[in-house]
Amino acid sequence: MVHAARKKGYKNGVQRRWFRVPLEQIGYVRAIFEGYDGVAVISTPDPRRGEIEIAVGEGLEAEADQIVTRLIGEAGLIEIPEPADWPSR
C-alpha cells in the first residue's frame, strides 16, 4: 500500500510515516514493531491522541510495508499526513 504521505517522509535516510490508531491498539502496534528488531522506531509523543510516527531505516521499507499492511487489518492503522503540530517538525 503506497501513499503520497509516505513518499515525502524521508529525512536523513530515514523514512518517516504517521498513522492514526485506536488508543487501545497503540501498545500492540509498538510490540509488533519491536518484535522486528531494528526495522522501525515508534514514537507516540501524546498517546492520548492516537497518533504514532514510524521511522524506518533505509533499506527496510519493504519489510516495514509488510508490517504496516498487516496492522491495517489487525489494529486499524490509518496512514495520515504529518500532523502540523508534531514535535519532530
Protein backbone atom coordinates (compact mmCIF):
# COMPACT_ATOMS: atom_id res chain seq x y z
CA MET A 1 0.00 0.00 0.00
CA VAL A 2 1.77 3.16 -1.21
CA HIS A 3 0.64 6.60 -0.12
CA ALA A 4 1.78 10.08 -1.14
CA ALA A 5 2.33 10.96 2.52
CA ARG A 6 4.89 8.17 2.75
CA LYS A 7 6.95 9.27 -0.25
CA LYS A 8 7.54 12.72 1.21
CA GLY A 9 8.52 11.43 4.64
CA TYR A 10 12.28 10.95 4.21
CA LYS A 11 14.79 12.81 6.35
CA ASN A 12 18.47 11.85 6.73
CA GLY A 13 17.93 8.43 5.13
CA VAL A 14 15.03 7.61 7.46
CA GLN A 15 11.52 7.17 6.14
CA ARG A 16 9.00 8.79 8.47
CA ARG A 17 5.32 7.84 8.33
CA TRP A 18 2.41 8.88 10.52
CA PHE A 19 -0.65 6.88 11.45
CA ARG A 20 -3.84 7.19 13.44
CA VAL A 21 -4.51 4.14 15.56
CA PRO A 22 -7.21 3.30 18.10
CA LEU A 23 -5.87 4.16 21.57
CA GLU A 24 -6.24 0.60 22.83
CA GLN A 25 -4.07 -0.66 19.92
CA ILE A 26 -1.00 1.58 20.43
CA GLY A 27 0.72 -0.94 22.73
CA TYR A 28 0.00 -3.76 20.30
CA VAL A 29 1.42 -1.82 17.33
CA ARG A 30 4.54 -0.95 19.33
CA ALA A 31 5.01 -4.59 20.41
CA ILE A 32 4.70 -5.87 16.85
CA PHE A 33 7.32 -3.43 15.55
CA GLU A 34 9.63 -4.14 18.48
CA GLY A 35 9.39 -7.83 17.58
CA TYR A 36 11.04 -6.99 14.24
CA ASP A 37 14.23 -5.73 15.84
CA GLY A 38 15.70 -2.75 14.02
CA VAL A 39 13.05 -2.32 11.33
CA ALA A 40 11.45 0.79 12.78
CA VAL A 41 11.25 3.06 15.79
CA ILE A 42 7.78 4.04 17.01
CA SER A 43 7.12 7.47 18.55
CA THR A 44 3.95 8.43 20.40
CA PRO A 45 4.55 11.88 21.88
CA ASP A 46 0.98 12.02 23.18
CA PRO A 47 -0.64 8.56 23.20
CA ARG A 48 -3.99 10.15 24.13
CA ARG A 49 -4.18 11.47 20.55
CA GLY A 50 -3.95 8.06 18.90
CA GLU A 51 -1.23 9.20 16.50
CA ILE A 52 2.10 7.49 16.00
CA GLU A 53 5.20 8.07 13.92
CA ILE A 54 7.09 5.16 12.42
CA ALA A 55 10.72 5.87 11.49
CA VAL A 56 12.07 3.23 9.11
CA GLY A 57 15.76 2.83 8.35
CA GLU A 58 16.99 2.93 4.77
CA GLY A 59 16.66 -0.43 3.04
CA LEU A 60 13.98 -1.69 5.43
CA GLU A 61 11.00 -0.05 3.73
CA ALA A 62 9.64 -3.25 2.14
CA GLU A 63 9.68 -5.11 5.45
CA ALA A 64 8.04 -2.15 7.20
CA ASP A 65 5.37 -2.02 4.45
CA GLN A 66 4.51 -5.66 5.10
CA ILE A 67 4.14 -4.99 8.83
CA VAL A 68 2.02 -1.89 8.19
CA THR A 69 -0.22 -3.79 5.79
CA ARG A 70 -0.75 -6.46 8.45
CA LEU A 71 -1.50 -3.84 11.12
CA ILE A 72 -4.01 -2.00 8.92
CA GLY A 73 -6.15 -5.11 9.12
CA GLU A 74 -5.33 -6.20 12.66
CA ALA A 75 -5.11 -2.91 14.55
CA GLY A 76 -6.98 -0.39 12.42
CA LEU A 77 -3.93 1.67 11.38
CA ILE A 78 -4.79 4.59 9.08
CA GLU A 79 -1.96 6.46 7.36
CA ILE A 80 -2.16 10.24 7.74
CA PRO A 81 -0.01 13.20 6.69
CA GLU A 82 2.42 14.53 9.27
CA PRO A 83 0.36 16.44 11.86
CA ALA A 84 1.13 20.17 11.75
CA ASP A 85 1.87 20.20 15.47
CA TRP A 86 4.03 17.06 15.53
CA PRO A 87 7.02 17.57 17.89
CA SER A 88 9.67 16.48 15.37
CA ARG A 89 8.66 19.17 12.88
